[in-house]
């Protein structure tokens, strides 16, 4: 995920957009980083994906470290969706993604973070 400024820092929410065919009801995401950069460990609080056509929000609650030296040592995770009912009907749908880095000392990362949205 690329964007302006210093992304994925402590107690910060970063927002990205993408367009694709309608994914229907989102079931899970796969998110992680490539362990690059100085201090690549990252504490992810949650990810919120919003279907911009319907305002349907999907919540992916994490509360875990993505760090080879913290928690379970994982730097990539699949997170199941927690959502309300609703399905978009347009053939192409715009989504907005908000990623909130947790408020933990050293919780930000300079690693290249990636995110897959699976419908």
N, C-alpha and C. Protein backbone atom coordinates (compact mmCIF):
# COMPACT_ATOMS: atom_id res chain seq x y z
N UNK A 1 0.85 -1.17 0.00
CA UNK A 1 0.00 0.00 0.00
C UNK A 1 0.89 1.23 0.00
N UNK A 2 0.68 2.08 -0.96
CA UNK A 2 1.48 3.29 -1.09
C UNK A 2 0.61 4.51 -0.90
N UNK A 3 1.20 5.57 -0.40
CA UNK A 3 0.48 6.83 -0.22
C UNK A 3 1.46 7.91 0.17
N UNK A 4 0.94 9.12 0.36
CA UNK A 4 1.80 10.25 0.71
C UNK A 4 2.22 10.19 2.18
N UNK A 5 3.35 10.79 2.48
CA UNK A 5 3.79 10.91 3.86
C UNK A 5 4.35 9.63 4.44
N UNK A 6 4.50 9.62 5.75
CA UNK A 6 5.06 8.49 6.47
C UNK A 6 3.90 7.61 6.95
N UNK A 7 3.70 6.48 6.31
CA UNK A 7 2.55 5.62 6.56
C UNK A 7 2.78 4.65 7.72
N UNK A 8 1.70 4.18 8.31
CA UNK A 8 1.69 3.12 9.31
C UNK A 8 2.51 3.45 10.55
N UNK A 9 2.33 4.67 11.03
CA UNK A 9 3.00 5.10 12.25
C UNK A 9 2.07 4.95 13.45
N UNK A 10 2.65 4.99 14.63
CA UNK A 10 1.91 4.80 15.89
C UNK A 10 0.68 5.71 15.97
N UNK A 11 -0.45 5.10 16.35
CA UNK A 11 -1.73 5.80 16.58
C UNK A 11 -2.17 6.62 15.37
N UNK A 12 -1.92 6.12 14.20
CA UNK A 12 -2.24 6.81 12.95
C UNK A 12 -3.17 5.95 12.11
N UNK A 13 -4.13 6.56 11.43
CA UNK A 13 -5.00 5.86 10.49
C UNK A 13 -4.66 6.32 9.08
N UNK A 14 -4.34 5.38 8.21
CA UNK A 14 -4.00 5.68 6.82
C UNK A 14 -5.14 5.18 5.93
N UNK A 15 -5.51 5.97 4.93
CA UNK A 15 -6.65 5.65 4.08
C UNK A 15 -6.20 5.52 2.63
N UNK A 16 -6.71 4.48 1.96
CA UNK A 16 -6.36 4.18 0.58
C UNK A 16 -7.65 3.86 -0.18
N UNK A 17 -7.62 3.99 -1.49
CA UNK A 17 -8.77 3.64 -2.30
C UNK A 17 -8.35 2.69 -3.41
N UNK A 18 -9.30 1.93 -3.92
CA UNK A 18 -9.07 1.08 -5.08
C UNK A 18 -10.39 0.81 -5.76
N UNK A 19 -10.33 0.48 -7.04
CA UNK A 19 -11.51 0.12 -7.81
C UNK A 19 -11.34 -1.28 -8.37
N UNK A 20 -12.43 -2.05 -8.36
CA UNK A 20 -12.42 -3.40 -8.88
C UNK A 20 -13.86 -3.81 -9.17
N UNK A 21 -14.04 -4.97 -9.73
CA UNK A 21 -15.40 -5.49 -9.89
C UNK A 21 -15.99 -5.70 -8.50
N UNK A 22 -17.29 -5.73 -8.41
CA UNK A 22 -17.95 -5.92 -7.13
C UNK A 22 -17.51 -7.24 -6.52
N UNK A 23 -16.98 -7.21 -5.31
CA UNK A 23 -16.51 -8.40 -4.62
C UNK A 23 -17.61 -9.08 -3.82
N UNK A 24 -18.80 -8.50 -3.80
CA UNK A 24 -19.89 -9.07 -3.01
C UNK A 24 -19.59 -8.88 -1.53
N UNK A 25 -20.11 -9.76 -0.71
CA UNK A 25 -19.87 -9.68 0.73
C UNK A 25 -18.42 -10.08 1.02
N UNK A 26 -17.68 -9.19 1.66
CA UNK A 26 -16.28 -9.48 1.97
C UNK A 26 -16.21 -10.49 3.10
N UNK A 27 -15.33 -11.45 2.95
CA UNK A 27 -15.20 -12.52 3.93
C UNK A 27 -13.93 -12.40 4.77
N UNK A 28 -12.84 -11.97 4.17
CA UNK A 28 -11.58 -11.88 4.90
C UNK A 28 -10.62 -11.00 4.11
N UNK A 29 -9.57 -10.59 4.79
CA UNK A 29 -8.46 -9.93 4.13
C UNK A 29 -7.19 -10.68 4.51
N UNK A 30 -6.18 -10.53 3.69
CA UNK A 30 -4.83 -10.99 4.02
C UNK A 30 -3.98 -9.73 4.04
N UNK A 31 -3.31 -9.47 5.15
CA UNK A 31 -2.52 -8.26 5.30
C UNK A 31 -1.19 -8.63 5.94
N UNK A 32 -0.15 -7.92 5.56
CA UNK A 32 1.16 -8.18 6.12
C UNK A 32 2.17 -7.20 5.58
N UNK A 33 3.42 -7.46 5.85
CA UNK A 33 4.50 -6.64 5.31
C UNK A 33 5.68 -7.53 4.95
N UNK A 34 6.63 -6.95 4.23
CA UNK A 34 7.75 -7.75 3.72
C UNK A 34 8.97 -7.74 4.65
N UNK A 35 8.81 -7.22 5.87
CA UNK A 35 9.87 -7.22 6.89
C UNK A 35 11.07 -6.36 6.50
N UNK A 36 10.86 -5.40 5.59
CA UNK A 36 11.96 -4.54 5.17
C UNK A 36 11.99 -3.26 6.01
N UNK A 37 13.04 -2.50 5.87
CA UNK A 37 13.18 -1.22 6.55
C UNK A 37 13.67 -1.38 7.98
N UNK A 38 13.97 -0.23 8.60
CA UNK A 38 14.43 -0.22 9.98
C UNK A 38 13.24 -0.39 10.91
N UNK A 39 13.29 -1.34 11.82
CA UNK A 39 12.20 -1.59 12.75
C UNK A 39 10.91 -1.94 12.04
N UNK A 40 10.89 -3.05 11.28
CA UNK A 40 9.71 -3.37 10.48
C UNK A 40 8.52 -3.88 11.28
N UNK A 41 8.68 -4.22 12.55
CA UNK A 41 7.56 -4.69 13.35
C UNK A 41 6.43 -3.67 13.37
N UNK A 42 5.18 -4.16 13.39
CA UNK A 42 4.01 -3.29 13.26
C UNK A 42 2.88 -3.86 14.09
N UNK A 43 2.20 -3.03 14.86
CA UNK A 43 1.05 -3.45 15.65
C UNK A 43 -0.21 -2.95 14.97
N UNK A 44 -1.01 -3.88 14.41
CA UNK A 44 -2.23 -3.52 13.70
C UNK A 44 -3.42 -3.62 14.64
N UNK A 45 -4.14 -2.53 14.76
CA UNK A 45 -5.35 -2.51 15.57
C UNK A 45 -6.52 -3.07 14.77
N UNK A 46 -6.83 -2.46 13.64
CA UNK A 46 -7.95 -2.92 12.82
C UNK A 46 -7.86 -2.33 11.43
N UNK A 47 -8.62 -2.93 10.51
CA UNK A 47 -8.80 -2.43 9.15
C UNK A 47 -10.30 -2.30 8.93
N UNK A 48 -10.70 -1.19 8.35
CA UNK A 48 -12.10 -0.98 7.98
C UNK A 48 -12.14 -0.79 6.47
N UNK A 49 -12.94 -1.60 5.79
CA UNK A 49 -13.14 -1.48 4.34
C UNK A 49 -14.56 -0.99 4.14
N UNK A 50 -14.71 0.12 3.42
CA UNK A 50 -16.03 0.70 3.15
C UNK A 50 -16.32 0.63 1.66
N UNK A 51 -17.45 0.03 1.31
CA UNK A 51 -17.93 0.04 -0.07
C UNK A 51 -18.47 1.45 -0.31
N UNK A 52 -17.82 2.22 -1.17
CA UNK A 52 -18.20 3.62 -1.36
C UNK A 52 -19.53 3.78 -2.08
N UNK A 53 -20.01 2.75 -2.77
CA UNK A 53 -21.32 2.84 -3.44
C UNK A 53 -22.48 2.65 -2.46
N UNK A 54 -22.28 1.81 -1.44
CA UNK A 54 -23.36 1.46 -0.51
C UNK A 54 -23.11 1.93 0.92
N UNK A 55 -21.92 2.40 1.22
CA UNK A 55 -21.48 2.76 2.58
C UNK A 55 -21.44 1.56 3.53
N UNK A 56 -21.53 0.33 3.00
CA UNK A 56 -21.38 -0.88 3.82
C UNK A 56 -19.96 -0.93 4.36
N UNK A 57 -19.83 -1.14 5.65
CA UNK A 57 -18.52 -1.22 6.29
C UNK A 57 -18.25 -2.65 6.73
N UNK A 58 -17.03 -3.08 6.52
CA UNK A 58 -16.55 -4.39 6.97
C UNK A 58 -15.40 -4.12 7.94
N UNK A 59 -15.47 -4.75 9.09
CA UNK A 59 -14.47 -4.54 10.13
C UNK A 59 -13.61 -5.78 10.26
N UNK A 60 -12.31 -5.58 10.23
CA UNK A 60 -11.34 -6.66 10.37
C UNK A 60 -10.51 -6.33 11.62
N UNK A 61 -10.89 -6.93 12.73
CA UNK A 61 -10.28 -6.60 14.02
C UNK A 61 -9.08 -7.50 14.26
N UNK A 62 -7.97 -6.90 14.60
CA UNK A 62 -6.73 -7.66 14.72
C UNK A 62 -6.13 -7.57 16.13
N UNK A 63 -5.59 -6.42 16.50
CA UNK A 63 -4.97 -6.26 17.80
C UNK A 63 -3.76 -7.15 18.02
N UNK A 64 -2.94 -7.30 16.97
CA UNK A 64 -1.76 -8.17 17.07
C UNK A 64 -0.54 -7.51 16.41
N UNK A 65 0.62 -8.00 16.84
CA UNK A 65 1.89 -7.59 16.23
C UNK A 65 2.12 -8.35 14.93
N UNK A 66 2.69 -7.67 13.98
CA UNK A 66 3.24 -8.26 12.75
C UNK A 66 4.74 -8.07 12.89
N UNK A 67 5.38 -9.00 13.56
CA UNK A 67 6.78 -8.82 13.93
C UNK A 67 7.39 -10.20 14.19
N UNK A 68 8.53 -10.47 13.60
CA UNK A 68 9.17 -11.77 13.78
C UNK A 68 9.66 -11.99 15.21
N UNK A 69 9.69 -10.90 16.01
CA UNK A 69 10.20 -11.00 17.39
C UNK A 69 9.14 -10.68 18.44
N UNK A 70 7.86 -10.58 18.06
CA UNK A 70 6.78 -10.30 19.01
C UNK A 70 5.66 -11.32 18.80
N UNK A 71 4.83 -11.51 19.81
CA UNK A 71 3.68 -12.41 19.74
C UNK A 71 4.08 -13.75 19.13
N UNK A 72 3.40 -14.14 18.04
CA UNK A 72 3.64 -15.44 17.41
C UNK A 72 4.66 -15.39 16.27
N UNK A 73 5.30 -14.23 16.05
CA UNK A 73 6.33 -14.11 15.03
C UNK A 73 5.81 -13.96 13.61
N UNK A 74 4.51 -13.85 13.43
CA UNK A 74 3.93 -13.74 12.08
C UNK A 74 4.03 -12.31 11.56
N UNK A 75 4.27 -12.16 10.25
CA UNK A 75 4.29 -10.85 9.61
C UNK A 75 3.20 -10.76 8.53
N UNK A 76 2.36 -11.78 8.46
CA UNK A 76 1.24 -11.81 7.52
C UNK A 76 0.09 -12.57 8.19
N UNK A 77 -1.13 -12.06 8.03
CA UNK A 77 -2.28 -12.70 8.65
C UNK A 77 -3.51 -12.63 7.76
N UNK A 78 -4.40 -13.64 7.90
CA UNK A 78 -5.74 -13.59 7.34
C UNK A 78 -6.67 -13.20 8.48
N UNK A 79 -7.52 -12.20 8.22
CA UNK A 79 -8.43 -11.71 9.26
C UNK A 79 -9.85 -11.81 8.72
N UNK A 80 -10.74 -12.51 9.43
CA UNK A 80 -12.13 -12.64 8.97
C UNK A 80 -12.90 -11.33 9.14
N UNK A 81 -13.89 -11.14 8.28
CA UNK A 81 -14.72 -9.93 8.31
C UNK A 81 -15.78 -10.02 9.39
N UNK A 82 -16.07 -8.88 9.96
CA UNK A 82 -17.21 -8.71 10.84
C UNK A 82 -18.03 -7.61 10.19
N UNK A 83 -19.25 -7.92 9.72
CA UNK A 83 -19.99 -6.94 8.93
C UNK A 83 -21.49 -6.98 9.20
N UNK A 84 -22.18 -5.96 8.68
CA UNK A 84 -23.63 -5.92 8.68
C UNK A 84 -24.09 -6.49 7.35
N UNK A 85 -25.39 -6.83 7.23
CA UNK A 85 -25.94 -7.31 5.98
C UNK A 85 -25.87 -6.22 4.91
N UNK A 86 -25.71 -6.62 3.65
CA UNK A 86 -25.70 -5.67 2.54
C UNK A 86 -24.79 -6.13 1.45
N UNK A 87 -25.28 -6.06 0.22
CA UNK A 87 -24.49 -6.45 -0.94
C UNK A 87 -24.61 -5.36 -2.00
N UNK A 88 -23.51 -4.93 -2.57
CA UNK A 88 -23.53 -3.93 -3.64
C UNK A 88 -23.99 -4.58 -4.93
N UNK A 89 -24.67 -3.82 -5.77
CA UNK A 89 -25.18 -4.38 -7.02
C UNK A 89 -24.50 -3.82 -8.25
N UNK A 90 -23.72 -2.77 -8.13
CA UNK A 90 -23.05 -2.17 -9.29
C UNK A 90 -21.94 -3.09 -9.80
N UNK A 91 -21.70 -3.14 -11.12
CA UNK A 91 -20.66 -4.02 -11.65
C UNK A 91 -19.25 -3.62 -11.22
N UNK A 92 -19.00 -2.32 -11.06
CA UNK A 92 -17.71 -1.85 -10.57
C UNK A 92 -17.97 -1.03 -9.32
N UNK A 93 -17.26 -1.33 -8.25
CA UNK A 93 -17.50 -0.71 -6.96
C UNK A 93 -16.22 -0.05 -6.48
N UNK A 94 -16.33 1.13 -5.90
CA UNK A 94 -15.20 1.80 -5.26
C UNK A 94 -15.24 1.50 -3.78
N UNK A 95 -14.09 1.21 -3.19
CA UNK A 95 -13.98 0.95 -1.77
C UNK A 95 -13.01 1.96 -1.16
N UNK A 96 -13.17 2.23 0.12
CA UNK A 96 -12.22 3.03 0.87
C UNK A 96 -11.69 2.16 1.99
N UNK A 97 -10.40 2.16 2.18
CA UNK A 97 -9.78 1.35 3.23
C UNK A 97 -9.12 2.29 4.24
N UNK A 98 -9.40 2.07 5.51
CA UNK A 98 -8.75 2.81 6.59
C UNK A 98 -7.99 1.80 7.44
N UNK A 99 -6.71 2.01 7.60
CA UNK A 99 -5.85 1.11 8.38
C UNK A 99 -5.35 1.89 9.59
N UNK A 100 -5.65 1.41 10.79
CA UNK A 100 -5.24 2.10 12.02
C UNK A 100 -4.12 1.34 12.69
N UNK A 101 -2.99 1.99 12.85
CA UNK A 101 -1.87 1.40 13.57
C UNK A 101 -2.10 1.59 15.06
N UNK A 102 -1.84 0.56 15.84
CA UNK A 102 -2.11 0.59 17.28
C UNK A 102 -1.19 1.54 18.02
N UNK A 103 -1.63 1.97 19.20
CA UNK A 103 -0.91 2.92 20.04
C UNK A 103 0.04 2.16 20.96
N UNK A 104 1.10 1.62 20.38
CA UNK A 104 2.12 0.90 21.15
C UNK A 104 3.48 1.48 20.79
N UNK A 105 4.34 1.62 21.77
CA UNK A 105 5.70 2.11 21.53
C UNK A 105 6.35 1.22 20.48
N UNK A 106 6.89 1.82 19.44
CA UNK A 106 7.53 1.07 18.37
C UNK A 106 6.52 0.37 17.46
N UNK A 107 5.24 0.72 17.56
CA UNK A 107 4.19 0.03 16.81
C UNK A 107 4.13 0.40 15.34
N UNK A 108 4.78 1.46 14.90
CA UNK A 108 4.79 1.84 13.48
C UNK A 108 5.80 1.01 12.72
N UNK A 109 5.71 1.02 11.39
CA UNK A 109 6.66 0.28 10.56
C UNK A 109 7.03 1.08 9.34
N UNK A 110 8.25 0.89 8.86
CA UNK A 110 8.71 1.45 7.59
C UNK A 110 8.68 0.38 6.51
N UNK A 111 8.24 -0.84 6.85
CA UNK A 111 8.19 -1.94 5.89
C UNK A 111 7.11 -1.64 4.84
N UNK A 112 7.19 -2.32 3.70
CA UNK A 112 6.18 -2.20 2.67
C UNK A 112 4.98 -3.06 3.06
N UNK A 113 3.88 -2.44 3.43
CA UNK A 113 2.68 -3.13 3.90
C UNK A 113 1.81 -3.46 2.68
N UNK A 114 1.20 -4.65 2.70
CA UNK A 114 0.29 -5.01 1.61
C UNK A 114 -1.01 -5.51 2.20
N UNK A 115 -2.07 -5.49 1.37
CA UNK A 115 -3.40 -5.88 1.80
C UNK A 115 -4.14 -6.48 0.62
N UNK A 116 -4.74 -7.66 0.80
CA UNK A 116 -5.59 -8.28 -0.20
C UNK A 116 -7.00 -8.30 0.36
N UNK A 117 -7.99 -7.86 -0.43
CA UNK A 117 -9.38 -7.89 -0.02
C UNK A 117 -10.03 -9.05 -0.77
N UNK A 118 -10.68 -9.95 -0.05
CA UNK A 118 -11.25 -11.16 -0.64
C UNK A 118 -12.76 -11.17 -0.42
N UNK A 119 -13.51 -11.28 -1.52
CA UNK A 119 -14.97 -11.28 -1.43
C UNK A 119 -15.55 -12.64 -1.71
